[in-house]
C-alpha atoms as a PDB file:
ATOM      1  CA  MET A   1      -0.668 182.144 166.597  1.00  0.00           C
ATOM      2  CA  ALA A   2       2.935 182.506 167.264  1.00  0.00           C
ATOM      3  CA  LEU A   3       2.716 179.950 169.917  1.00  0.00           C
ATOM      4  CA  ILE A   4       0.923 177.540 167.687  1.00  0.00           C
ATOM      5  CA  ARG A   5       3.618 178.008 164.996  1.00  0.00           C
ATOM      6  CA  SER A   6       6.306 177.370 167.512  1.00  0.00           C
ATOM      7  CA  TYR A   7       4.941 173.981 168.673  1.00  0.00           C
ATOM      8  CA  ALA A   8       3.685 172.829 165.097  1.00  0.00           C
ATOM      9  CA  LEU A   9       6.837 171.460 163.879  1.00  0.00           C
ATOM     10  CA  PRO A  10       7.539 169.444 166.913  1.00  0.00           C
ATOM     11  CA  LEU A  11       4.035 168.125 167.047  1.00  0.00           C
ATOM     12  CA  PHE A  12       4.206 167.186 163.404  1.00  0.00           C
ATOM     13  CA  ALA A  13       7.379 165.413 163.988  1.00  0.00           C
ATOM     14  CA  ALA A  14       6.031 163.421 166.892  1.00  0.00           C
ATOM     15  CA  LEU A  15       3.100 162.411 164.977  1.00  0.00           C
ATOM     16  CA  ALA A  16       5.225 161.294 162.077  1.00  0.00           C
ATOM     17  CA  PHE A  17       7.361 159.336 164.368  1.00  0.00           C
ATOM     18  CA  HIS A  18       4.508 157.467 165.981  1.00  0.00           C
ATOM     19  CA  ALA A  19       2.919 156.830 162.552  1.00  0.00           C
ATOM     20  CA  GLY A  20       6.214 155.194 161.379  1.00  0.00           C
ATOM     21  CA  VAL A  21       6.491 153.106 164.570  1.00  0.00           C
ATOM     22  CA  GLY A  22       2.895 151.869 164.082  1.00  0.00           C
ATOM     23  CA  LEU A  23       3.562 151.114 160.449  1.00  0.00           C
ATOM     24  CA  VAL A  24       6.732 149.158 161.313  1.00  0.00           C
ATOM     25  CA  PHE A  25       5.020 147.218 163.976  1.00  0.00           C
ATOM     26  CA  VAL A  26       2.086 146.193 161.629  1.00  0.00           C
ATOM     27  CA  ARG A  27       4.426 145.165 158.796  1.00  0.00           C
ATOM     28  CA  GLY A  28       6.661 143.328 161.085  1.00  0.00           C
ATOM     29  CA  PHE A  29       3.945 140.934 162.148  1.00  0.00           C
ATOM     30  CA  THR A  30       2.643 140.389 158.714  1.00  0.00           C
ATOM     31  CA  ALA A  31       6.108 139.565 157.359  1.00  0.00           C
ATOM     32  CA  SER A  32       6.465 136.906 160.169  1.00  0.00           C
ATOM     33  CA  GLU A  33       3.360 135.370 159.179  1.00  0.00           C
ATOM     34  CA  ASP A  34       4.232 135.206 155.567  1.00  0.00           C
ATOM     35  CA  ILE A  35       7.693 133.623 156.335  1.00  0.00           C
ATOM     36  CA  ALA A  36       5.945 131.046 158.562  1.00  0.00           C
ATOM     37  CA  GLN A  37       3.788 130.127 155.674  1.00  0.00           C
ATOM     38  CA  VAL A  38       6.532 129.793 153.155  1.00  0.00           C
ATOM     39  CA  ILE A  39       9.427 128.268 155.102  1.00  0.00           C
ATOM     40  CA  THR A  40       9.220 124.458 155.633  1.00  0.00           C
ATOM     41  CA  PRO A  41      11.098 122.734 158.313  1.00  0.00           C
ATOM     42  CA  LYS A  42      14.004 120.417 157.427  1.00  0.00           C
ATOM     43  CA  VAL A  43      14.469 116.959 158.831  1.00  0.00           C
ATOM     44  CA  VAL A  44      17.295 116.941 161.337  1.00  0.00           C
ATOM     45  CA  ASN A  45      18.943 113.753 162.443  1.00  0.00           C
ATOM     46  CA  ALA A  46      19.639 113.900 166.043  1.00  0.00           C
ATOM     47  CA  THR A  47      21.115 111.336 168.495  1.00  0.00           C
ATOM     48  CA  LEU A  48      20.197 111.262 172.046  1.00  0.00           C
ATOM     49  CA  MET A  49      23.403 111.091 174.059  1.00  0.00           C
ATOM     50  CA  VAL A  50      23.252 110.091 177.715  1.00  0.00           C
ATOM     51  CA  VAL A  51      26.041 111.705 179.815  1.00  0.00           C
ATOM     52  CA  GLU A  52      26.658 109.526 182.728  1.00  0.00           C
ATOM     53  CA  PRO A  53      27.682 111.282 185.945  1.00  0.00           C
ATOM     54  CA  PRO A  54      31.355 110.553 186.909  1.00  0.00           C
ATOM     55  CA  ALA A  55      31.793 107.396 188.646  1.00  0.00           C
ATOM     56  CA  GLN A  56      31.957 107.692 192.316  1.00  0.00           C
ATOM     57  CA  ASN A  57      34.334 105.722 194.485  1.00  0.00           C
ATOM     58  CA  LYS A  58      32.298 102.744 195.681  1.00  0.00           C
ATOM     59  CA  ARG A  59      33.071 101.462 199.041  1.00  0.00           C
ATOM     60  CA  PRO A  60      33.870  97.693 199.141  1.00  0.00           C
ATOM     61  CA  PRO A  61      31.185  95.729 200.651  1.00  0.00           C
ATOM     62  CA  ALA A  62      31.555  95.227 204.359  1.00  0.00           C
ATOM     63  CA  PRO A  63      32.672  91.681 205.198  1.00  0.00           C
ATOM     64  CA  ALA A  64      29.866  89.409 206.329  1.00  0.00           C
ATOM     65  CA  LYS A  65      29.757  88.920 210.093  1.00  0.00           C
ATOM     66  CA  PRO A  66      30.603  85.255 211.064  1.00  0.00           C
ATOM     67  CA  ALA A  67      27.721  83.375 212.358  1.00  0.00           C
ATOM     68  CA  PRO A  68      27.665  83.072 216.089  1.00  0.00           C
ATOM     69  CA  ALA A  69      29.121  79.809 217.195  1.00  0.00           C
ATOM     70  CA  ALA A  70      26.787  77.171 218.543  1.00  0.00           C
ATOM     71  CA  PRO A  71      26.823  77.087 222.237  1.00  0.00           C
ATOM     72  CA  VAL A  72      28.941  74.277 223.625  1.00  0.00           C
ATOM     73  CA  ALA A  73      27.036  71.854 225.538  1.00  0.00           C
ATOM     74  CA  ASN A  74      28.057  71.570 229.215  1.00  0.00           C
ATOM     75  CA  LYS A  75      30.004  68.412 229.808  1.00  0.00           C
ATOM     76  CA  PRO A  76      28.093  66.107 232.229  1.00  0.00           C
ATOM     77  CA  SER A  77      29.476  66.135 235.751  1.00  0.00           C
ATOM     78  CA  ALA A  78      31.076  63.030 237.318  1.00  0.00           C
ATOM     79  CA  ALA A  79      27.878  62.402 239.258  1.00  0.00           C
ATOM     80  CA  GLU A  80      25.778  62.667 236.083  1.00  0.00           C
ATOM     81  CA  ARG A  81      28.259  60.258 234.265  1.00  0.00           C
ATOM     82  CA  LYS A  82      28.087  57.807 237.178  1.00  0.00           C
ATOM     83  CA  ARG A  83      24.310  57.924 237.081  1.00  0.00           C
ATOM     84  CA  LEU A  84      24.130  57.428 233.345  1.00  0.00           C
ATOM     85  CA  VAL A  85      26.583  54.371 233.729  1.00  0.00           C
ATOM     86  CA  GLU A  86      24.378  52.943 236.487  1.00  0.00           C
ATOM     87  CA  GLU A  87      21.194  53.429 234.358  1.00  0.00           C
ATOM     88  CA  GLN A  88      22.886  51.685 231.385  1.00  0.00           C
ATOM     89  CA  LEU A  89      24.072  48.734 233.630  1.00  0.00           C
ATOM     90  CA  ALA A  90      20.569  48.572 235.066  1.00  0.00           C
ATOM     91  CA  ALA A  91      19.037  48.409 231.621  1.00  0.00           C
ATOM     92  CA  GLU A  92      21.472  45.707 230.468  1.00  0.00           C
ATOM     93  CA  GLN A  93      20.687  43.651 233.670  1.00  0.00           C
ATOM     94  CA  ALA A  94      16.981  44.021 233.097  1.00  0.00           C
ATOM     95  CA  LYS A  95      17.458  42.921 229.426  1.00  0.00           C
ATOM     96  CA  ARG A  96      19.538  39.831 230.434  1.00  0.00           C
ATOM     97  CA  ALA A  97      17.031  39.037 233.129  1.00  0.00           C
ATOM     98  CA  GLU A  98      14.220  39.186 230.780  1.00  0.00           C
ATOM     99  CA  GLN A  99      16.013  36.944 228.352  1.00  0.00           C
ATOM    100  CA  VAL A 100      16.843  34.489 231.058  1.00  0.00           C
ATOM    101  CA  ALA A 101      13.276  34.574 232.184  1.00  0.00           C
ATOM    102  CA  LYS A 102      12.012  33.843 228.734  1.00  0.00           C
ATOM    103  CA  ASP A 103      14.505  30.813 228.433  1.00  0.00           C
ATOM    104  CA  ARG A 104      13.460  29.468 231.801  1.00  0.00           C
ATOM    105  CA  ALA A 105       9.838  29.872 231.023  1.00  0.00           C
ATOM    106  CA  GLU A 106      10.374  27.878 227.746  1.00  0.00           C
ATOM    107  CA  ALA A 107      12.291  25.254 229.639  1.00  0.00           C
ATOM    108  CA  GLN A 108       9.458  25.071 232.125  1.00  0.00           C
ATOM    109  CA  ARG A 109       6.825  24.544 229.399  1.00  0.00           C
ATOM    110  CA  GLN A 110       9.032  21.776 228.041  1.00  0.00           C
ATOM    111  CA  LYS A 111       9.153  20.102 231.404  1.00  0.00           C
ATOM    112  CA  GLN A 112       5.504  20.437 231.857  1.00  0.00           C
ATOM    113  CA  ARG A 113       4.853  18.809 228.474  1.00  0.00           C
ATOM    114  CA  GLN A 114       7.163  16.050 229.424  1.00  0.00           C
ATOM    115  CA  LYS A 115       5.398  15.459 232.750  1.00  0.00           C
ATOM    116  CA  GLU A 116       2.107  15.412 230.823  1.00  0.00           C
ATOM    117  CA  LEU A 117       3.356  12.796 228.513  1.00  0.00           C
ATOM    118  CA  GLU A 118       4.752  10.738 231.465  1.00  0.00           C
ATOM    119  CA  ALA A 119       1.364  10.931 233.158  1.00  0.00           C
ATOM    120  CA  GLN A 120      -0.357   9.950 229.923  1.00  0.00           C
ATOM    121  CA  ARG A 121       1.856   6.850 229.618  1.00  0.00           C
ATOM    122  CA  ARG A 122       1.112   5.965 233.153  1.00  0.00           C
ATOM    123  CA  ARG A 123      -2.539   6.063 232.595  1.00  0.00           C
ATOM    124  CA  GLU A 124      -2.193   3.891 229.444  1.00  0.00           C
ATOM    125  CA  ARG A 125      -0.117   1.457 231.560  1.00  0.00           C
ATOM    126  CA  LEU A 126      -2.901   1.347 234.160  1.00  0.00           C
ATOM    127  CA  ALA A 127      -5.433   0.921 231.442  1.00  0.00           C
ATOM    128  CA  ALA A 128      -3.501  -1.921 229.950  1.00  0.00           C
ATOM    129  CA  LEU A 129      -3.143  -3.684 233.302  1.00  0.00           C
ATOM    130  CA  GLY A 130      -6.934  -3.549 233.911  1.00  0.00           C
ATOM    131  CA  ASP A 131      -7.891  -5.539 236.922  1.00  0.00           C
ATOM    132  CA  LEU A 132      -4.243  -6.480 237.519  1.00  0.00           C
ATOM    133  CA  ALA A 133      -3.382  -2.932 238.677  1.00  0.00           C
ATOM    134  CA  ASP A 134      -3.681  -2.977 242.502  1.00  0.00           C
ATOM    135  CA  ASP A 135      -3.344  -0.266 245.127  1.00  0.00           C
ATOM    136  CA  SER A 136       0.352  -0.827 245.526  1.00  0.00           C
ATOM    137  CA  LEU A 137       1.182  -0.085 241.883  1.00  0.00           C
ATOM    138  CA  GLN A 138      -0.980   3.000 242.034  1.00  0.00           C
ATOM    139  CA  GLN A 139       0.806   4.236 245.008  1.00  0.00           C
ATOM    140  CA  SER A 140       4.178   3.408 243.520  1.00  0.00           C
ATOM    141  CA  LEU A 141       3.242   5.596 240.420  1.00  0.00           C
ATOM    142  CA  GLU A 142       2.014   8.498 242.401  1.00  0.00           C
ATOM    143  CA  ALA A 143       5.159   8.348 244.588  1.00  0.00           C
ATOM    144  CA  GLU A 144       7.281   8.271 241.502  1.00  0.00           C
ATOM    145  CA  ALA A 145       5.463  11.343 240.043  1.00  0.00           C
ATOM    146  CA  GLU A 146       5.790  13.353 243.304  1.00  0.00           C
ATOM    147  CA  GLN A 147       9.482  12.472 243.317  1.00  0.00           C
ATOM    148  CA  ILE A 148       9.943  13.744 239.722  1.00  0.00           C
ATOM    149  CA  GLN A 149       7.997  16.971 240.553  1.00  0.00           C
ATOM    150  CA  ASP A 150      10.063  17.565 243.699  1.00  0.00           C
ATOM    151  CA  ASN A 151      13.292  17.081 241.760  1.00  0.00           C
ATOM    152  CA  ASP A 152      12.127  19.529 239.161  1.00  0.00           C
ATOM    153  CA  VAL A 153      11.140  22.102 241.668  1.00  0.00           C
ATOM    154  CA  GLN A 154      14.546  21.672 243.543  1.00  0.00           C
ATOM    155  CA  GLN A 155      16.362  22.103 240.269  1.00  0.00           C
ATOM    156  CA  GLN A 156      14.417  25.142 239.398  1.00  0.00           C
ATOM    157  CA  VAL A 157      15.154  26.724 242.866  1.00  0.00           C
ATOM    158  CA  GLN A 158      18.800  26.120 242.541  1.00  0.00           C
ATOM    159  CA  THR A 159      18.876  27.691 239.114  1.00  0.00           C
ATOM    160  CA  PHE A 160      17.231  30.832 240.298  1.00  0.00           C
ATOM    161  CA  GLN A 161      19.533  30.865 243.453  1.00  0.00           C
ATOM    162  CA  ALA A 162      22.490  30.701 241.167  1.00  0.00           C
ATOM    163  CA  GLY A 163      21.299  33.452 239.052  1.00  0.00           C
ATOM    164  CA  ILE A 164      20.794  35.754 242.131  1.00  0.00           C
ATOM    165  CA  TYR A 165      24.323  34.974 243.431  1.00  0.00           C
ATOM    166  CA  ASP A 166      25.873  35.634 240.081  1.00  0.00           C
ATOM    167  CA  LEU A 167      24.083  38.949 239.659  1.00  0.00           C
ATOM    168  CA  VAL A 168      25.416  40.100 243.092  1.00  0.00           C
ATOM    169  CA  ARG A 169      28.931  39.100 242.282  1.00  0.00           C
ATOM    170  CA  LYS A 170      28.840  41.171 239.090  1.00  0.00           C
ATOM    171  CA  ASN A 171      27.733  44.121 241.113  1.00  0.00           C
ATOM    172  CA  TRP A 172      30.205  43.648 243.842  1.00  0.00           C
ATOM    173  CA  SER A 173      33.245  46.038 244.239  1.00  0.00           C
ATOM    174  CA  ARG A 174      35.828  44.302 246.135  1.00  0.00           C
ATOM    175  CA  PRO A 175      37.411  46.339 249.005  1.00  0.00           C
ATOM    176  CA  PRO A 176      41.189  46.323 249.638  1.00  0.00           C
ATOM    177  CA  SER A 177      40.664  44.593 252.989  1.00  0.00           C
ATOM    178  CA  ALA A 178      38.877  41.467 251.389  1.00  0.00           C
ATOM    179  CA  ARG A 179      40.668  38.138 252.052  1.00  0.00           C
ATOM    180  CA  ASN A 180      40.028  34.438 251.310  1.00  0.00           C
ATOM    181  CA  GLY A 181      37.640  32.800 253.733  1.00  0.00           C
ATOM    182  CA  MET A 182      35.698  35.942 254.552  1.00  0.00           C
ATOM    183  CA  GLN A 183      31.919  35.571 254.358  1.00  0.00           C
ATOM    184  CA  VAL A 184      28.885  37.472 255.382  1.00  0.00           C
ATOM    185  CA  ARG A 185      25.195  36.411 255.647  1.00  0.00           C
ATOM    186  CA  PHE A 186      22.170  38.608 255.036  1.00  0.00           C
ATOM    187  CA  LEU A 187      18.469  38.141 255.352  1.00  0.00           C
ATOM    188  CA  VAL A 188      16.874  39.188 251.985  1.00  0.00           C
ATOM    189  CA  GLU A 189      13.135  39.891 251.492  1.00  0.00           C
ATOM    190  CA  LEU A 190      11.549  40.058 247.842  1.00  0.00           C
ATOM    191  CA  ILE A 191       8.185  40.826 246.477  1.00  0.00           C
ATOM    192  CA  PRO A 192       6.672  38.511 243.946  1.00  0.00           C
ATOM    193  CA  THR A 193       7.922  40.560 240.943  1.00  0.00           C
ATOM    194  CA  GLY A 194      11.506  39.925 242.293  1.00  0.00           C
ATOM    195  CA  GLU A 195      12.147  43.505 243.417  1.00  0.00           C
ATOM    196  CA  LEU A 196      14.236  43.929 246.560  1.00  0.00           C
ATOM    197  CA  LEU A 197      12.208  44.813 249.746  1.00  0.00           C
ATOM    198  CA  SER A 198      14.893  44.811 252.491  1.00  0.00           C
ATOM    199  CA  VAL A 199      18.439  43.574 253.341  1.00  0.00           C
ATOM    200  CA  THR A 200      19.347  42.854 256.939  1.00  0.00           C
ATOM    201  CA  LEU A 201      22.775  41.853 258.150  1.00  0.00           C
ATOM    202  CA  VAL A 202      22.686  38.546 260.139  1.00  0.00           C
ATOM    203  CA  ASP A 203      26.349  37.244 260.491  1.00  0.00           C
ATOM    204  CA  SER A 204      29.233  39.667 259.961  1.00  0.00           C
ATOM    205  CA  SER A 205      32.455  38.870 258.379  1.00  0.00           C
ATOM    206  CA  GLY A 206      34.384  40.903 260.960  1.00  0.00           C
ATOM    207  CA  SER A 207      35.220  43.544 258.402  1.00  0.00           C
ATOM    208  CA  ALA A 208      32.788  46.512 258.118  1.00  0.00           C
ATOM    209  CA  ALA A 209      34.112  47.346 254.666  1.00  0.00           C
ATOM    210  CA  PHE A 210      33.416  43.836 253.376  1.00  0.00           C
ATOM    211  CA  ASP A 211      30.059  43.695 254.869  1.00  0.00           C
ATOM    212  CA  ARG A 212      29.146  47.090 253.482  1.00  0.00           C
ATOM    213  CA  SER A 213      30.469  46.198 250.004  1.00  0.00           C
ATOM    214  CA  ALA A 214      28.383  42.979 249.971  1.00  0.00           C
ATOM    215  CA  GLU A 215      25.260  44.781 250.915  1.00  0.00           C
ATOM    216  CA  GLN A 216      25.736  47.455 248.375  1.00  0.00           C
ATOM    217  CA  ALA A 217      26.141  44.782 245.777  1.00  0.00           C
ATOM    218  CA  ILE A 218      22.737  43.226 246.775  1.00  0.00           C
ATOM    219  CA  ARG A 219      20.998  46.608 246.816  1.00  0.00           C
ATOM    220  CA  ARG A 220      22.496  47.652 243.515  1.00  0.00           C
ATOM    221  CA  ALA A 221      20.847  44.667 241.879  1.00  0.00           C
ATOM    222  CA  ARG A 222      17.392  46.165 242.751  1.00  0.00           C
ATOM    223  CA  ARG A 223      15.574  43.273 241.111  1.00  0.00           C
ATOM    224  CA  PHE A 224      16.179  39.516 240.840  1.00  0.00           C
ATOM    225  CA  ASP A 225      14.795  36.816 238.493  1.00  0.00           C
ATOM    226  CA  VAL A 226      12.375  34.625 240.521  1.00  0.00           C
ATOM    227  CA  PRO A 227      10.017  31.782 239.585  1.00  0.00           C
ATOM    228  CA  GLN A 228       6.646  32.698 238.207  1.00  0.00           C
ATOM    229  CA  ASP A 229       5.153  29.807 240.186  1.00  0.00           C
ATOM    230  CA  ASN A 230       3.806  31.702 243.303  1.00  0.00           C
ATOM    231  CA  SER A 231       3.949  28.549 245.529  1.00  0.00           C
ATOM    232  CA  VAL A 232       7.626  28.088 244.658  1.00  0.00           C
ATOM    233  CA  PHE A 233       8.363  31.767 245.233  1.00  0.00           C
ATOM    234  CA  GLU A 234       6.476  31.775 248.609  1.00  0.00           C
ATOM    235  CA  ALA A 235       8.352  28.714 249.760  1.00  0.00           C
ATOM    236  CA  ASN A 236      11.979  29.659 248.590  1.00  0.00           C
ATOM    237  CA  PHE A 237      12.337  33.416 247.750  1.00  0.00           C
ATOM    238  CA  ARG A 238       9.898  35.436 249.696  1.00  0.00           C
ATOM    239  CA  ARG A 239      12.380  35.625 252.676  1.00  0.00           C
ATOM    240  CA  PHE A 240      15.774  33.695 252.303  1.00  0.00           C
ATOM    241  CA  TYR A 241      19.388  33.852 253.741  1.00  0.00           C
ATOM    242  CA  PHE A 242      22.060  35.030 251.368  1.00  0.00           C
ATOM    243  CA  LEU A 243      25.437  33.878 252.191  1.00  0.00           C
ATOM    244  CA  PHE A 244      28.174  35.796 250.338  1.00  0.00           C
ATOM    245  CA  ARG A 245      31.442  34.117 250.214  1.00  0.00           C
ATOM    246  CA  PRO A 246      33.767  34.711 247.191  1.00  0.00           C
ATOM    247  CA  GLU A 247      36.423  32.179 246.761  1.00  0.00           C
ATOM    248  CA  ASP A 248      38.759  34.000 244.399  1.00  0.00           C
ATOM    249  CA  LEU A 249      40.027  36.654 246.751  1.00  0.00           C
ATOM    250  CA  LEU A 250      43.692  37.420 247.115  1.00  0.00           C
ATOM    251  CA  ARG A 251      45.262  36.867 250.504  1.00  0.00           C
END
């Protein structure tokens, strides 16, 4: 009993302490609920402020790299320039030759029409003479027609020969040793289109440089203007002698 009495007061005090803590705990939660029911929230005006980070030192943009320069085209060599010049000269010569051929063809057509008119007039004359036309008159008219035709052919041949010689003169590069009175003769062979087939030295001028320059001038022409009439070509331009004798050389 003495032991019970010695622990009774502390035990009572402990129970009382715990009872008080429990009461405080229960009342504290109840008060919070009451306050939550009574207090109403007030409207608060708020402004959102954005705080920017401190500006960093921006590096200046790197300069744009220059565009690579276009490659410079290689300049043509001397041989290439010479070839281009020769091709241009050949094209110009071909163009001139074509125009000359057209003009001569037109002239030939005009001559043919003229000959047809002459033949028509002769037939009319024969018809008008009737029985008076004898064999001698007929032969005379035929001889006249043949003479006219021969003259036309000869004139045509001379015209084409002059064109060939003029083209060779334009292609000729005069050597320093050239003198007045020098001449050289070649045998030239062509095909019906006028293209050069062969050049053969027949009579030398006595100067190898002069002979060589004349031959090169002929070969450089490559193609000559020739008659379209095959019979005239075969008789005068299939194989012919070419005498090169310039008259304007310095002594």
